[in-house]
N, C-alpha and C. Protein backbone atom coordinates (compact mmCIF):
# COMPACT_ATOMS: atom_id res chain seq x y z
N MET A 1 15.15 7.83 -20.95
CA MET A 1 14.45 9.17 -21.11
C MET A 1 13.37 8.84 -19.75
N VAL A 2 13.46 10.41 -19.17
CA VAL A 2 12.74 9.97 -17.64
C VAL A 2 11.23 10.01 -18.21
N GLU A 3 10.44 9.35 -17.12
CA GLU A 3 9.30 9.96 -17.74
C GLU A 3 8.59 10.88 -16.66
N ALA A 4 7.98 11.64 -17.67
CA ALA A 4 7.48 12.85 -16.95
C ALA A 4 6.25 12.59 -15.88
N VAL A 5 6.03 13.02 -14.64
CA VAL A 5 5.10 12.27 -13.52
C VAL A 5 4.51 13.79 -12.94
N SER A 6 3.30 14.11 -12.50
CA SER A 6 2.40 14.66 -11.98
C SER A 6 2.76 14.54 -10.45
N PRO A 7 3.34 16.03 -10.28
CA PRO A 7 3.22 16.28 -8.96
C PRO A 7 2.42 15.59 -7.75
N ASP A 8 1.15 16.05 -8.65
CA ASP A 8 0.07 15.22 -7.68
C ASP A 8 -0.23 13.75 -8.04
N ALA A 9 0.71 13.28 -8.81
CA ALA A 9 0.46 12.00 -8.72
C ALA A 9 0.73 10.78 -7.41
N LYS A 10 0.04 9.99 -7.26
CA LYS A 10 -0.20 9.14 -6.25
C LYS A 10 0.83 8.18 -6.21
N ARG A 11 1.61 7.93 -5.11
CA ARG A 11 3.16 6.55 -5.09
C ARG A 11 2.52 5.65 -3.97
N PHE A 12 2.71 4.92 -4.41
CA PHE A 12 2.57 3.50 -3.39
C PHE A 12 3.52 2.63 -3.20
N LEU A 13 3.95 2.01 -2.36
CA LEU A 13 4.65 1.06 -2.32
C LEU A 13 3.89 -0.13 -1.89
N VAL A 14 4.19 -1.90 -2.33
CA VAL A 14 3.93 -2.94 -2.19
C VAL A 14 5.03 -3.68 -1.99
N VAL A 15 4.77 -4.23 -0.61
CA VAL A 15 6.03 -4.90 -0.04
C VAL A 15 5.64 -6.12 0.21
N THR A 16 5.93 -7.71 -0.74
CA THR A 16 5.11 -8.74 -0.19
C THR A 16 6.79 -9.54 -1.33
N ARG A 17 6.22 -11.21 -0.72
CA ARG A 17 7.20 -11.83 -1.02
C ARG A 17 6.40 -13.34 -2.38
N LYS A 18 5.21 -12.46 -2.40
CA LYS A 18 4.63 -13.28 -3.92
C LYS A 18 4.82 -12.46 -4.88
N PRO A 19 5.35 -12.86 -5.59
CA PRO A 19 5.36 -12.03 -7.17
C PRO A 19 3.99 -11.65 -7.47
N VAL A 20 3.52 -12.72 -7.69
CA VAL A 20 1.72 -12.53 -8.69
C VAL A 20 1.39 -11.35 -8.25
N LEU A 21 1.29 -11.42 -6.78
CA LEU A 21 0.08 -10.08 -5.97
C LEU A 21 1.16 -9.14 -6.31
N ALA A 22 2.47 -9.32 -6.03
CA ALA A 22 3.12 -7.91 -6.35
C ALA A 22 2.74 -7.21 -7.64
N LEU A 23 2.66 -8.13 -8.49
CA LEU A 23 2.73 -7.46 -10.06
C LEU A 23 1.08 -7.10 -10.40
N ASP A 24 0.29 -7.60 -9.94
CA ASP A 24 -1.32 -7.39 -9.99
C ASP A 24 -1.30 -6.31 -9.37
N LEU A 25 -1.22 -6.03 -7.64
CA LEU A 25 -1.26 -4.84 -7.41
C LEU A 25 -0.54 -3.66 -8.14
N GLN A 26 0.81 -3.99 -8.28
CA GLN A 26 1.58 -2.88 -9.50
C GLN A 26 0.93 -2.47 -10.34
N GLU A 27 0.16 -2.97 -11.16
CA GLU A 27 -0.49 -3.00 -12.29
C GLU A 27 -2.16 -2.30 -12.14
N MET A 28 -2.79 -2.55 -10.96
CA MET A 28 -3.42 -2.28 -10.40
C MET A 28 -3.49 -0.51 -10.23
N LEU A 29 -2.42 -0.58 -9.52
CA LEU A 29 -2.14 0.76 -8.80
C LEU A 29 -1.26 1.76 -9.67
N SER A 30 -0.62 1.74 -10.82
CA SER A 30 0.06 2.46 -12.05
C SER A 30 -0.89 2.41 -12.93
N GLY A 31 -2.04 2.24 -12.87
CA GLY A 31 -3.18 2.85 -13.78
C GLY A 31 -4.17 3.94 -12.94
N LEU A 32 -3.68 4.00 -11.87
CA LEU A 32 -4.83 4.96 -11.40
C LEU A 32 -4.03 5.97 -12.00
N ASP A 33 -4.23 7.25 -12.95
CA ASP A 33 -4.32 8.40 -13.26
C ASP A 33 -3.02 9.29 -13.10
N GLY A 34 -1.59 8.29 -13.58
CA GLY A 34 -0.50 8.72 -13.35
C GLY A 34 0.36 8.19 -12.33
N ALA A 35 -0.64 7.39 -11.71
CA ALA A 35 0.07 6.87 -10.23
C ALA A 35 1.50 6.05 -10.48
N ARG A 36 2.07 6.15 -9.32
CA ARG A 36 3.49 5.19 -9.27
C ARG A 36 3.38 4.00 -8.68
N ALA A 37 3.50 2.77 -8.45
CA ALA A 37 3.84 1.87 -7.60
C ALA A 37 5.38 1.45 -7.32
N GLU A 38 5.79 1.47 -6.47
CA GLU A 38 6.79 0.86 -6.69
C GLU A 38 6.82 -0.64 -5.72
N VAL A 39 7.49 -1.78 -5.70
CA VAL A 39 7.46 -3.09 -5.22
C VAL A 39 8.75 -3.99 -4.89
N ALA A 40 8.61 -4.45 -3.65
CA ALA A 40 9.55 -4.67 -2.85
C ALA A 40 9.53 -5.84 -2.46
N ALA A 41 10.43 -7.22 -2.28
CA ALA A 41 9.93 -8.40 -1.83
C ALA A 41 10.20 -8.22 -0.18
N THR A 42 10.58 -7.91 0.61
CA THR A 42 10.94 -7.71 1.75
C THR A 42 11.07 -6.50 2.58
N LEU A 43 10.39 -5.76 3.78
CA LEU A 43 10.24 -4.53 4.35
C LEU A 43 12.01 -3.93 4.30
N ASP A 44 13.04 -5.30 4.73
CA ASP A 44 14.38 -4.55 4.42
C ASP A 44 15.00 -4.66 3.26
N ALA A 45 14.16 -3.91 2.53
CA ALA A 45 14.95 -3.90 0.75
C ALA A 45 14.91 -2.33 0.75
N PRO A 46 15.62 -1.92 -0.06
CA PRO A 46 15.34 -0.70 -0.31
C PRO A 46 14.60 0.01 -1.35
N TRP A 47 14.03 1.08 -0.50
CA TRP A 47 12.95 1.78 -1.18
C TRP A 47 12.95 3.68 -0.97
N GLU A 48 12.58 4.51 -1.62
CA GLU A 48 12.60 6.04 -1.34
C GLU A 48 11.36 6.39 -1.64
N GLY A 49 11.34 6.94 -0.30
CA GLY A 49 9.74 7.86 -0.61
C GLY A 49 9.75 9.21 -0.91
N PRO A 50 8.75 9.75 -0.13
CA PRO A 50 7.55 9.28 0.45
C PRO A 50 6.40 8.53 -0.37
N PHE A 51 5.64 8.29 0.39
CA PHE A 51 4.98 7.23 -0.18
C PHE A 51 3.00 7.68 0.30
N ASP A 52 2.24 8.02 -0.47
CA ASP A 52 0.56 8.14 -0.08
C ASP A 52 0.22 6.77 0.84
N VAL A 53 0.60 5.71 0.15
CA VAL A 53 0.05 4.56 0.68
C VAL A 53 0.99 3.63 0.76
N ALA A 54 1.03 2.26 1.44
CA ALA A 54 2.01 1.17 1.46
C ALA A 54 1.05 0.17 1.94
N PHE A 55 1.28 -0.88 0.85
CA PHE A 55 0.57 -2.05 0.90
C PHE A 55 1.45 -3.56 1.43
N LEU A 56 1.38 -3.56 2.81
CA LEU A 56 2.53 -4.12 3.24
C LEU A 56 2.30 -5.81 3.87
N GLY A 57 2.71 -6.54 3.19
CA GLY A 57 2.21 -8.36 2.94
C GLY A 57 3.10 -8.65 4.62
N ALA A 58 3.22 -8.58 5.94
CA ALA A 58 3.61 -8.88 6.83
C ALA A 58 2.69 -9.20 8.36
N PRO A 59 3.05 -9.73 9.33
CA PRO A 59 1.78 -9.89 10.10
C PRO A 59 2.20 -8.55 11.02
N VAL A 60 0.72 -8.13 11.58
CA VAL A 60 0.91 -7.05 12.21
C VAL A 60 1.63 -6.53 13.39
N ALA A 61 2.60 -7.78 13.95
CA ALA A 61 3.22 -7.20 15.25
C ALA A 61 4.79 -7.36 14.45
N GLU A 62 4.71 -7.56 13.02
CA GLU A 62 6.26 -7.43 12.85
C GLU A 62 6.12 -6.54 12.04
N LEU A 63 5.38 -5.68 11.16
CA LEU A 63 4.84 -4.46 10.94
C LEU A 63 4.95 -3.34 12.36
N VAL A 64 4.55 -3.33 13.44
CA VAL A 64 4.21 -2.53 14.34
C VAL A 64 5.52 -1.98 14.88
N ALA A 65 6.38 -3.48 15.06
CA ALA A 65 7.87 -3.53 15.40
C ALA A 65 8.64 -2.99 14.64
N HIS A 66 9.04 -2.95 13.16
CA HIS A 66 9.71 -2.64 12.20
C HIS A 66 10.51 -1.05 12.10
N PRO A 67 11.36 -0.29 11.86
CA PRO A 67 11.32 0.61 12.00
C PRO A 67 11.39 1.52 10.97
N LYS A 68 11.56 0.52 9.57
CA LYS A 68 11.04 1.47 8.19
C LYS A 68 9.09 1.79 8.63
N VAL A 69 8.54 0.59 8.96
CA VAL A 69 7.36 1.06 8.82
C VAL A 69 6.70 2.09 9.65
N GLN A 70 7.75 1.96 10.95
CA GLN A 70 7.24 2.83 11.67
C GLN A 70 8.01 4.50 11.25
N ALA A 71 8.79 4.20 10.31
CA ALA A 71 9.01 5.45 9.45
C ALA A 71 8.13 6.20 8.83
N LEU A 72 7.72 4.87 7.86
CA LEU A 72 6.41 5.11 7.15
C LEU A 72 5.34 5.65 7.80
N ALA A 73 4.84 5.27 8.94
CA ALA A 73 3.27 5.71 9.36
C ALA A 73 3.63 7.10 9.77
N THR A 74 4.72 7.34 10.46
CA THR A 74 5.42 9.28 10.87
C THR A 74 5.00 9.61 9.86
N SER A 75 5.53 9.26 8.84
CA SER A 75 5.37 10.47 7.32
C SER A 75 3.95 10.65 6.94
N GLY A 76 3.09 9.96 7.38
CA GLY A 76 1.65 10.05 7.19
C GLY A 76 1.09 9.27 6.00
N THR A 77 2.06 8.06 5.60
CA THR A 77 1.80 7.35 4.84
C THR A 77 0.60 6.19 5.16
N ARG A 78 -0.27 5.71 4.88
CA ARG A 78 -1.14 4.95 4.89
C ARG A 78 -0.76 2.99 4.84
N ILE A 79 -0.78 2.78 5.79
CA ILE A 79 -0.26 1.82 5.97
C ILE A 79 -1.33 0.48 5.40
N VAL A 80 -1.44 -0.55 4.51
CA VAL A 80 -2.15 -1.45 4.34
C VAL A 80 -1.83 -2.42 4.67
N VAL A 81 -2.38 -3.92 5.27
CA VAL A 81 -1.97 -5.04 6.05
C VAL A 81 -2.58 -6.22 4.91
N LEU A 82 -1.73 -7.11 3.93
CA LEU A 82 -2.30 -7.01 3.06
C LEU A 82 -2.40 -8.55 3.61
N GLY A 83 -3.47 -9.03 3.80
CA GLY A 83 -4.01 -10.66 4.57
C GLY A 83 -4.65 -10.03 4.94
N GLY A 84 -4.67 -8.97 5.81
CA GLY A 84 -5.13 -8.68 7.02
C GLY A 84 -6.73 -9.85 7.54
N ASP A 85 -6.71 -9.43 8.48
CA ASP A 85 -8.29 -10.37 9.00
C ASP A 85 -8.59 -8.95 10.09
N PRO A 86 -10.00 -8.38 9.59
CA PRO A 86 -10.15 -7.43 10.61
C PRO A 86 -10.96 -8.33 11.89
N GLN A 87 -11.16 -9.65 11.85
CA GLN A 87 -12.04 -9.61 12.90
C GLN A 87 -10.94 -10.21 13.85
N VAL A 88 -9.86 -10.35 13.83
CA VAL A 88 -8.44 -11.05 14.78
C VAL A 88 -7.43 -10.16 15.21
N GLN A 89 -7.15 -9.07 14.55
CA GLN A 89 -5.96 -7.77 14.52
C GLN A 89 -7.35 -6.27 15.19
N ASP A 90 -6.55 -5.72 16.08
CA ASP A 90 -7.00 -4.57 16.72
C ASP A 90 -6.19 -3.58 15.77
N TYR A 91 -6.95 -3.33 14.27
CA TYR A 91 -6.60 -2.37 13.36
C TYR A 91 -6.29 -0.74 13.91
N ALA A 92 -7.48 -0.68 14.77
CA ALA A 92 -7.69 0.56 15.49
C ALA A 92 -6.67 1.25 16.18
N ARG A 93 -6.17 0.17 16.88
CA ARG A 93 -4.87 0.63 17.47
C ARG A 93 -3.63 0.85 17.14
N THR A 94 -3.29 0.21 16.15
CA THR A 94 -2.35 0.27 15.16
C THR A 94 -2.70 1.71 13.80
N GLY A 95 -3.78 1.62 13.41
CA GLY A 95 -3.69 2.78 13.04
C GLY A 95 -3.76 1.54 11.55
N PHE A 96 -3.81 1.13 11.47
CA PHE A 96 -3.47 0.42 10.28
C PHE A 96 -4.66 -0.36 9.09
N HIS A 97 -4.47 -0.72 8.09
CA HIS A 97 -5.86 -0.88 7.69
C HIS A 97 -6.09 -2.26 6.63
N PRO A 98 -6.74 -3.33 6.72
CA PRO A 98 -6.44 -4.09 6.18
C PRO A 98 -7.15 -4.61 5.48
N LEU A 99 -6.70 -5.42 4.70
CA LEU A 99 -7.04 -5.86 2.77
C LEU A 99 -6.77 -7.47 3.10
N VAL A 100 -8.50 -8.19 2.84
CA VAL A 100 -8.83 -9.37 3.22
C VAL A 100 -8.05 -10.04 1.95
N GLN A 101 -7.37 -11.19 1.41
CA GLN A 101 -7.86 -11.59 0.50
C GLN A 101 -7.84 -12.99 0.34
N PRO A 102 -8.50 -13.12 -0.64
CA PRO A 102 -8.32 -12.70 -1.83
C PRO A 102 -9.09 -11.64 -2.00
N PHE A 103 -8.94 -10.51 -2.90
CA PHE A 103 -9.51 -9.09 -3.12
C PHE A 103 -9.34 -8.85 -4.60
N ARG A 104 -10.81 -7.95 -4.83
CA ARG A 104 -10.81 -7.40 -6.14
C ARG A 104 -10.72 -6.16 -6.43
N THR A 105 -10.37 -5.32 -7.71
CA THR A 105 -10.07 -4.00 -8.01
C THR A 105 -11.01 -3.55 -7.33
N GLU A 106 -12.44 -3.78 -6.95
CA GLU A 106 -13.24 -2.97 -6.81
C GLU A 106 -13.04 -2.62 -4.59
N GLU A 107 -12.77 -3.49 -3.83
CA GLU A 107 -12.25 -3.57 -2.97
C GLU A 107 -11.01 -2.62 -2.86
N VAL A 108 -9.85 -2.56 -3.58
CA VAL A 108 -9.07 -1.87 -3.33
C VAL A 108 -9.22 -0.63 -3.63
N GLU A 109 -10.01 -0.32 -4.68
CA GLU A 109 -10.38 1.13 -5.11
C GLU A 109 -11.24 1.89 -3.89
N ALA A 110 -12.53 1.25 -3.58
CA ALA A 110 -13.01 1.27 -2.19
C ALA A 110 -12.18 1.97 -0.80
N LEU A 111 -11.22 1.19 -0.87
CA LEU A 111 -9.92 1.21 0.58
C LEU A 111 -9.30 2.83 0.42
N LEU A 112 -9.12 2.78 -1.39
CA LEU A 112 -8.36 4.45 -1.24
C LEU A 112 -9.34 5.45 -1.51
N ARG A 113 -10.56 5.16 -2.03
CA ARG A 113 -11.03 6.38 -1.55
C ARG A 113 -11.50 6.52 -0.60
N HIS A 114 -11.45 5.82 0.23
CA HIS A 114 -11.86 5.88 1.83
C HIS A 114 -10.57 6.69 2.29
N PHE A 115 -9.28 6.67 2.06
CA PHE A 115 -8.13 7.56 2.08
C PHE A 115 -8.60 9.23 1.20
N GLY A 116 -9.41 9.28 1.04
CA GLY A 116 -9.62 10.47 0.32
C GLY A 116 -9.09 10.38 -1.50
N MET A 117 -8.63 9.63 -2.01
CA MET A 117 -8.37 9.33 -3.16
C MET A 117 -9.21 9.49 -4.17
N PRO A 118 -9.39 9.81 -5.07
CA PRO A 118 -10.33 10.10 -6.18
C PRO A 118 -9.96 8.69 -7.38
N VAL A 119 -10.83 7.56 -7.12
CA VAL A 119 -10.45 6.48 -7.95
C VAL A 119 -11.55 5.86 -8.55
N GLY A 120 -11.28 5.33 -10.21
CA GLY A 120 -12.43 4.89 -10.04
C GLY A 120 -13.53 5.46 -10.70
N GLU A 121 -13.49 6.42 -11.12
CA GLU A 121 -14.76 7.28 -11.31
C GLU A 121 -14.33 8.16 -12.57
N ALA A 122 -15.29 8.09 -14.00
CA ALA A 122 -15.05 8.30 -14.80
C ALA A 122 -15.67 9.77 -14.95
């Protein structure tokens, strides 16, 4: 059976080698008003966009140089660096957004609201 998904439903990509982190984010993101979250273990794993936001667990230098990440960014996908340290990396230059780990649901929701997505509102 194919699940009906609203055309306005947000799509997320989570790429990390940490299964618990991947499942936590997938559960958190999938609970947002019919949103869908796809999970992959590596940047080279197959996935099919488009995505509104990609949460990527890799060093910034690797992300900037990776053709699939470049394609995501070019398509308008917001790139979030899992474990990113805003004190170390030049995120303004890359256009990426850091998410310092460990993080709480509220921090993910605040970042999504920063992107203009209505979340965590009753």
